[in-house]
C-alpha atoms as a PDB file:
ATOM      1  CA  UNK A   1     105.233  94.896 124.505  1.00  0.00           C
ATOM      2  CA  UNK A   2     106.031  96.748 121.495  1.00  0.00           C
ATOM      3  CA  UNK A   3     106.922  95.382 117.765  1.00  0.00           C
ATOM      4  CA  UNK A   4     108.648  96.921 114.785  1.00  0.00           C
ATOM      5  CA  UNK A   5     107.610  95.794 111.413  1.00  0.00           C
ATOM      6  CA  UNK A   6     108.570  97.222 108.245  1.00  0.00           C
ATOM      7  CA  UNK A   7     106.007  98.668 106.123  1.00  0.00           C
ATOM      8  CA  UNK A   8     104.957  95.565 103.524  1.00  0.00           C
ATOM      9  CA  UNK A   9     103.781  98.417 101.485  1.00  0.00           C
ATOM     10  CA  UNK A  10     107.512  99.383 101.088  1.00  0.00           C
ATOM     11  CA  UNK A  11     107.056  99.384  97.015  1.00  0.00           C
ATOM     12  CA  UNK A  12     109.553 100.744  94.527  1.00  0.00           C
ATOM     13  CA  UNK A  13     107.613 102.920  92.315  1.00  0.00           C
ATOM     14  CA  UNK A  14     109.817 103.495  88.915  1.00  0.00           C
ATOM     15  CA  UNK A  15     107.272 106.865  87.814  1.00  0.00           C
ATOM     16  CA  UNK A  16     108.783 107.893  84.989  1.00  0.00           C
ATOM     17  CA  UNK A  17     106.092 110.235  83.903  1.00  0.00           C
ATOM     18  CA  UNK A  18     107.202 113.363  81.917  1.00  0.00           C
ATOM     19  CA  UNK A  19     105.326 115.595  79.848  1.00  0.00           C
ATOM     20  CA  UNK A  20     104.951 114.502  75.787  1.00  0.00           C
ATOM     21  CA  UNK A  21     106.646 116.724  73.319  1.00  0.00           C
ATOM     22  CA  UNK A  22     103.706 118.166  70.879  1.00  0.00           C
ATOM     23  CA  UNK A  23     102.719 114.873  69.136  1.00  0.00           C
ATOM     24  CA  UNK A  24      95.350 113.818 112.020  1.00  0.00           C
ATOM     25  CA  UNK A  25      98.886 114.430 110.285  1.00  0.00           C
ATOM     26  CA  UNK A  26     102.393 113.726 111.771  1.00  0.00           C
ATOM     27  CA  UNK A  27     105.367 115.225 111.508  1.00  0.00           C
ATOM     28  CA  UNK A  28     107.348 111.690 111.138  1.00  0.00           C
ATOM     29  CA  UNK A  29     106.906 111.584 107.373  1.00  0.00           C
ATOM     30  CA  UNK A  30     110.368 111.942 106.110  1.00  0.00           C
ATOM     31  CA  UNK A  31     111.174 113.256 103.008  1.00  0.00           C
ATOM     32  CA  UNK A  32     113.966 112.892 100.703  1.00  0.00           C
ATOM     33  CA  UNK A  33     114.088 115.014  97.391  1.00  0.00           C
ATOM     34  CA  UNK A  34     117.219 114.936  94.583  1.00  0.00           C
ATOM     35  CA  UNK A  35     117.422 115.902  91.525  1.00  0.00           C
ATOM     36  CA  UNK A  36     119.833 114.526  88.838  1.00  0.00           C
ATOM     37  CA  UNK A  37     120.264 115.962  84.658  1.00  0.00           C
ATOM     38  CA  UNK A  38     121.212 114.679  81.652  1.00  0.00           C
ATOM     39  CA  UNK A  39     122.367 116.859  79.393  1.00  0.00           C
ATOM     40  CA  UNK A  40     121.433 117.150  75.762  1.00  0.00           C
ATOM     41  CA  UNK A  41     123.172 119.052  72.541  1.00  0.00           C
ATOM     42  CA  UNK A  42     121.571 120.672  69.283  1.00  0.00           C
ATOM     43  CA  UNK A  43     121.061 123.996  68.613  1.00  0.00           C
ATOM     44  CA  UNK A  44     117.681 124.174  67.087  1.00  0.00           C
ATOM     45  CA  UNK A  45     113.827 123.274  68.087  1.00  0.00           C
ATOM     46  CA  UNK A  46     113.988 119.996  66.201  1.00  0.00           C
ATOM     47  CA  UNK A  47     117.675 119.152  67.646  1.00  0.00           C
ATOM     48  CA  UNK A  48     116.276 119.607  71.214  1.00  0.00           C
ATOM     49  CA  UNK A  49     113.034 117.727  70.112  1.00  0.00           C
ATOM     50  CA  UNK A  50     115.538 114.456  68.911  1.00  0.00           C
ATOM     51  CA  UNK A  51     117.721 115.001  71.735  1.00  0.00           C
ATOM     52  CA  UNK A  52     115.159 114.182  74.547  1.00  0.00           C
ATOM     53  CA  UNK A  53     113.598 111.537  72.211  1.00  0.00           C
ATOM     54  CA  UNK A  54     116.752 110.144  72.162  1.00  0.00           C
ATOM     55  CA  UNK A  55     118.444 110.843  75.766  1.00  0.00           C
ATOM     56  CA  UNK A  56     114.996 111.487  77.711  1.00  0.00           C
ATOM     57  CA  UNK A  57     114.554 108.743  80.652  1.00  0.00           C
ATOM     58  CA  UNK A  58     112.793 105.636  79.660  1.00  0.00           C
ATOM     59  CA  UNK A  59     109.948 104.430  81.318  1.00  0.00           C
ATOM     60  CA  UNK A  60     108.530 100.548  80.509  1.00  0.00           C
ATOM     61  CA  UNK A  61     105.028 101.956  80.734  1.00  0.00           C
ATOM     62  CA  UNK A  62     105.226 104.006  78.110  1.00  0.00           C
ATOM     63  CA  UNK A  63     107.907 102.246  75.780  1.00  0.00           C
ATOM     64  CA  UNK A  64     109.577 105.626  75.153  1.00  0.00           C
ATOM     65  CA  UNK A  65     111.952 108.358  76.310  1.00  0.00           C
ATOM     66  CA  UNK A  66     110.316 111.431  77.959  1.00  0.00           C
ATOM     67  CA  UNK A  67     111.747 115.280  78.294  1.00  0.00           C
ATOM     68  CA  UNK A  68     112.043 115.176  81.964  1.00  0.00           C
ATOM     69  CA  UNK A  69     110.715 112.098  85.113  1.00  0.00           C
ATOM     70  CA  UNK A  70     110.273 111.299  88.317  1.00  0.00           C
ATOM     71  CA  UNK A  71     111.107 108.557  90.343  1.00  0.00           C
ATOM     72  CA  UNK A  72     109.203 107.687  93.332  1.00  0.00           C
ATOM     73  CA  UNK A  73     109.780 105.386  96.111  1.00  0.00           C
ATOM     74  CA  UNK A  74     107.545 104.737  99.373  1.00  0.00           C
ATOM     75  CA  UNK A  75     108.555 102.549 102.318  1.00  0.00           C
ATOM     76  CA  UNK A  76     108.195 103.275 106.145  1.00  0.00           C
ATOM     77  CA  UNK A  77     108.297 100.965 109.454  1.00  0.00           C
ATOM     78  CA  UNK A  78     105.577 100.435 111.884  1.00  0.00           C
ATOM     79  CA  UNK A  79     105.601 100.126 115.999  1.00  0.00           C
ATOM     80  CA  UNK A  80     102.763  97.608 117.473  1.00  0.00           C
ATOM     81  CA  UNK A  81     101.782  97.697 120.907  1.00  0.00           C
ATOM     82  CA  UNK A  82      99.698  95.552 123.267  1.00  0.00           C
ATOM     83  CA  UNK A  83      96.608  97.268 124.680  1.00  0.00           C
ATOM     84  CA  UNK A  84      94.304  94.887 126.647  1.00  0.00           C
ATOM     85  CA  UNK A  85      94.504  91.621 125.034  1.00  0.00           C
ATOM     86  CA  UNK A  86      94.985  93.217 121.784  1.00  0.00           C
ATOM     87  CA  UNK A  87      97.382  94.397 118.997  1.00  0.00           C
ATOM     88  CA  UNK A  88      97.359  98.356 118.205  1.00  0.00           C
ATOM     89  CA  UNK A  89      99.133 100.443 115.992  1.00  0.00           C
ATOM     90  CA  UNK A  90     101.538 102.449 118.248  1.00  0.00           C
ATOM     91  CA  UNK A  91     103.758 104.446 115.714  1.00  0.00           C
ATOM     92  CA  UNK A  92     104.043 104.959 112.115  1.00  0.00           C
ATOM     93  CA  UNK A  93     107.075 106.043 110.378  1.00  0.00           C
ATOM     94  CA  UNK A  94     106.413 106.551 106.454  1.00  0.00           C
ATOM     95  CA  UNK A  95     109.232 107.548 104.147  1.00  0.00           C
ATOM     96  CA  UNK A  96     109.348 108.773 100.456  1.00  0.00           C
ATOM     97  CA  UNK A  97     112.053 109.191  98.433  1.00  0.00           C
ATOM     98  CA  UNK A  98     111.250 111.485  94.711  1.00  0.00           C
ATOM     99  CA  UNK A  99     114.358 112.189  92.214  1.00  0.00           C
ATOM    100  CA  UNK A 100     113.849 114.462  89.666  1.00  0.00           C
ATOM    101  CA  UNK A 101     115.260 113.789  86.301  1.00  0.00           C
ATOM    102  CA  UNK A 102     115.287 117.021  83.992  1.00  0.00           C
ATOM    103  CA  UNK A 103     117.284 118.277  80.829  1.00  0.00           C
ATOM    104  CA  UNK A 104     119.941 120.413  80.476  1.00  0.00           C
ATOM    105  CA  UNK A 105     121.076 121.720  77.759  1.00  0.00           C
ATOM    106  CA  UNK A 106     124.669 122.626  77.011  1.00  0.00           C
ATOM    107  CA  UNK A 107     123.592 125.192  74.106  1.00  0.00           C
ATOM    108  CA  UNK A 108     122.128 127.322  76.067  1.00  0.00           C
ATOM    109  CA  UNK A 109     124.830 130.212  76.460  1.00  0.00           C
ATOM    110  CA  UNK A 110     125.940 130.332  72.620  1.00  0.00           C
ATOM    111  CA  UNK A 111     122.018 130.333  71.623  1.00  0.00           C
ATOM    112  CA  UNK A 112     120.013 133.060  69.811  1.00  0.00           C
ATOM    113  CA  UNK A 113     117.424 135.024  71.914  1.00  0.00           C
ATOM    114  CA  UNK A 114     114.273 133.166  70.358  1.00  0.00           C
ATOM    115  CA  UNK A 115     116.104 129.517  70.609  1.00  0.00           C
ATOM    116  CA  UNK A 116     116.992 130.845  74.740  1.00  0.00           C
ATOM    117  CA  UNK A 117     113.441 132.160  75.617  1.00  0.00           C
ATOM    118  CA  UNK A 118     112.087 128.822  73.834  1.00  0.00           C
ATOM    119  CA  UNK A 119     114.628 126.205  75.804  1.00  0.00           C
ATOM    120  CA  UNK A 120     113.863 128.433  79.385  1.00  0.00           C
ATOM    121  CA  UNK A 121     109.901 128.216  78.868  1.00  0.00           C
ATOM    122  CA  UNK A 122     110.471 124.651  78.200  1.00  0.00           C
ATOM    123  CA  UNK A 123     112.230 123.905  80.812  1.00  0.00           C
ATOM    124  CA  UNK A 124     110.357 125.640  83.200  1.00  0.00           C
ATOM    125  CA  UNK A 125     107.696 123.762  82.515  1.00  0.00           C
ATOM    126  CA  UNK A 126     109.463 120.354  82.315  1.00  0.00           C
ATOM    127  CA  UNK A 127     110.766 121.085  86.455  1.00  0.00           C
ATOM    128  CA  UNK A 128     107.513 122.416  87.322  1.00  0.00           C
ATOM    129  CA  UNK A 129     105.367 118.948  85.862  1.00  0.00           C
ATOM    130  CA  UNK A 130     107.760 116.852  87.399  1.00  0.00           C
ATOM    131  CA  UNK A 131     107.763 118.874  90.648  1.00  0.00           C
ATOM    132  CA  UNK A 132     103.964 118.229  90.626  1.00  0.00           C
ATOM    133  CA  UNK A 133     104.968 114.765  90.294  1.00  0.00           C
ATOM    134  CA  UNK A 134     106.963 114.647  93.705  1.00  0.00           C
ATOM    135  CA  UNK A 135     104.316 117.105  95.560  1.00  0.00           C
ATOM    136  CA  UNK A 136     101.412 113.921  94.911  1.00  0.00           C
ATOM    137  CA  UNK A 137     103.965 111.096  95.840  1.00  0.00           C
ATOM    138  CA  UNK A 138     104.124 113.686  98.815  1.00  0.00           C
ATOM    139  CA  UNK A 139     100.460 114.264  99.974  1.00  0.00           C
ATOM    140  CA  UNK A 140      99.288 110.502  99.092  1.00  0.00           C
ATOM    141  CA  UNK A 141     102.819 109.191 101.737  1.00  0.00           C
ATOM    142  CA  UNK A 142     100.665 111.378 104.544  1.00  0.00           C
ATOM    143  CA  UNK A 143      97.201 110.188 103.490  1.00  0.00           C
ATOM    144  CA  UNK A 144      99.090 106.501 104.092  1.00  0.00           C
ATOM    145  CA  UNK A 145     100.201 107.616 107.400  1.00  0.00           C
ATOM    146  CA  UNK A 146      96.804 109.389 108.654  1.00  0.00           C
ATOM    147  CA  UNK A 147      94.936 106.467 108.070  1.00  0.00           C
ATOM    148  CA  UNK A 148      97.411 103.751 109.186  1.00  0.00           C
ATOM    149  CA  UNK A 149      97.401 105.989 112.349  1.00  0.00           C
ATOM    150  CA  UNK A 150      93.659 105.338 112.427  1.00  0.00           C
ATOM    151  CA  UNK A 151      94.056 101.681 112.111  1.00  0.00           C
ATOM    152  CA  UNK A 152      91.733 100.143 114.871  1.00  0.00           C
ATOM    153  CA  UNK A 153      93.339  97.653 116.887  1.00  0.00           C
ATOM    154  CA  UNK A 154      92.721  93.617 116.155  1.00  0.00           C
ATOM    155  CA  UNK A 155      93.060  90.341 118.395  1.00  0.00           C
ATOM    156  CA  UNK A 156      96.364  89.763 117.209  1.00  0.00           C
ATOM    157  CA  UNK A 157      98.749  91.446 115.676  1.00  0.00           C
ATOM    158  CA  UNK A 158      99.042  89.646 112.174  1.00  0.00           C
ATOM    159  CA  UNK A 159      95.437  90.296 111.419  1.00  0.00           C
ATOM    160  CA  UNK A 160      96.547  94.288 111.914  1.00  0.00           C
ATOM    161  CA  UNK A 161      99.416  93.744 109.284  1.00  0.00           C
ATOM    162  CA  UNK A 162      97.343  92.295 106.600  1.00  0.00           C
ATOM    163  CA  UNK A 163      95.076  95.088 107.531  1.00  0.00           C
ATOM    164  CA  UNK A 164      98.045  97.569 107.053  1.00  0.00           C
ATOM    165  CA  UNK A 165      98.559  96.014 103.905  1.00  0.00           C
ATOM    166  CA  UNK A 166      95.072  95.987 102.604  1.00  0.00           C
ATOM    167  CA  UNK A 167      95.217 100.068 103.061  1.00  0.00           C
ATOM    168  CA  UNK A 168      99.081 100.423 101.779  1.00  0.00           C
ATOM    169  CA  UNK A 169      97.251  98.956  98.616  1.00  0.00           C
ATOM    170  CA  UNK A 170      94.754 101.284  98.491  1.00  0.00           C
ATOM    171  CA  UNK A 171      96.626 104.584  99.257  1.00  0.00           C
ATOM    172  CA  UNK A 172      99.255 103.457  96.222  1.00  0.00           C
ATOM    173  CA  UNK A 173      96.273 102.652  93.919  1.00  0.00           C
ATOM    174  CA  UNK A 174      95.186 106.144  94.618  1.00  0.00           C
ATOM    175  CA  UNK A 175      98.475 108.011  94.028  1.00  0.00           C
ATOM    176  CA  UNK A 176      99.022 106.096  90.852  1.00  0.00           C
ATOM    177  CA  UNK A 177      95.698 107.080  89.239  1.00  0.00           C
ATOM    178  CA  UNK A 178      96.198 110.679  90.375  1.00  0.00           C
ATOM    179  CA  UNK A 179      99.390 110.656  88.767  1.00  0.00           C
ATOM    180  CA  UNK A 180      97.743 109.613  86.002  1.00  0.00           C
ATOM    181  CA  UNK A 181      95.152 111.688  85.933  1.00  0.00           C
ATOM    182  CA  UNK A 182      98.038 114.620  86.224  1.00  0.00           C
ATOM    183  CA  UNK A 183      99.606 113.466  83.502  1.00  0.00           C
ATOM    184  CA  UNK A 184      96.345 113.034  80.966  1.00  0.00           C
ATOM    185  CA  UNK A 185      95.736 116.624  81.862  1.00  0.00           C
ATOM    186  CA  UNK A 186      99.005 118.303  81.139  1.00  0.00           C
ATOM    187  CA  UNK A 187      99.026 116.637  77.907  1.00  0.00           C
ATOM    188  CA  UNK A 188      95.819 118.241  76.963  1.00  0.00           C
ATOM    189  CA  UNK A 189      97.463 121.369  77.917  1.00  0.00           C
ATOM    190  CA  UNK A 190     100.622 121.218  76.902  1.00  0.00           C
ATOM    191  CA  UNK A 191     100.417 123.305  73.526  1.00  0.00           C
ATOM    192  CA  UNK A 192      98.380 126.660  75.718  1.00  0.00           C
ATOM    193  CA  UNK A 193     100.312 126.013  78.555  1.00  0.00           C
ATOM    194  CA  UNK A 194     103.441 126.802  76.405  1.00  0.00           C
ATOM    195  CA  UNK A 195     101.799 129.302  74.559  1.00  0.00           C
ATOM    196  CA  UNK A 196     101.402 131.257  77.487  1.00  0.00           C
ATOM    197  CA  UNK A 197     104.841 131.054  78.976  1.00  0.00           C
ATOM    198  CA  UNK A 198     106.505 132.314  76.113  1.00  0.00           C
ATOM    199  CA  UNK A 199     103.884 135.114  75.517  1.00  0.00           C
ATOM    200  CA  UNK A 200     104.735 135.941  78.946  1.00  0.00           C
ATOM    201  CA  UNK A 201     108.719 135.805  79.298  1.00  0.00           C
ATOM    202  CA  UNK A 202     108.450 137.765  75.825  1.00  0.00           C
ATOM    203  CA  UNK A 203     106.413 140.432  77.215  1.00  0.00           C
ATOM    204  CA  UNK A 204     108.936 140.282  80.181  1.00  0.00           C
ATOM    205  CA  UNK A 205     112.016 140.917  77.924  1.00  0.00           C
ATOM    206  CA  UNK A 206     110.387 143.822  76.172  1.00  0.00           C
ATOM    207  CA  UNK A 207     109.917 145.810  78.799  1.00  0.00           C
ATOM    208  CA  UNK A 208     113.383 145.219  80.733  1.00  0.00           C
END
């Protein structure tokens, strides 16, 4: 006899994390990804900085707005079955939804070459950063599925459900720590990373 239950761990994580401007896995994991944009104006680097600070996604965790963000939602379903006199995991379906929120500069086509190069470098870095947040979420969704599938049968399904909750909380905590660790590393390397991107883009333009 099988019982289907919603994962108690299906939590919504508004992981609005953005870079700060200077100052046996199964195929059952379901990944849904979307991208939305917010428009900014301005003509100078200072204008763009101010626009991102004013219009960027807001996160309650930091109390600030950011140049970009990634919203993450985990969820899923489990099926239990009887094996002899014990309750066991029969099937797991983990879902992860990621929504990237990125800036779009409305003055890009009218910008000077230097400003266009600067914006392209910044926009590229913001997108890469948020894509990595989404990838971290996908990796932990797969990890959650693996760990749930490996749960040992228990004498009743209520006990097994408690184990499901414990495992989900552990993986969720590991996910949150991985996201924060990534942001700490990115914040330290932002300036050097932008300089490398700008040098590369300018060299590419000179060779055209």
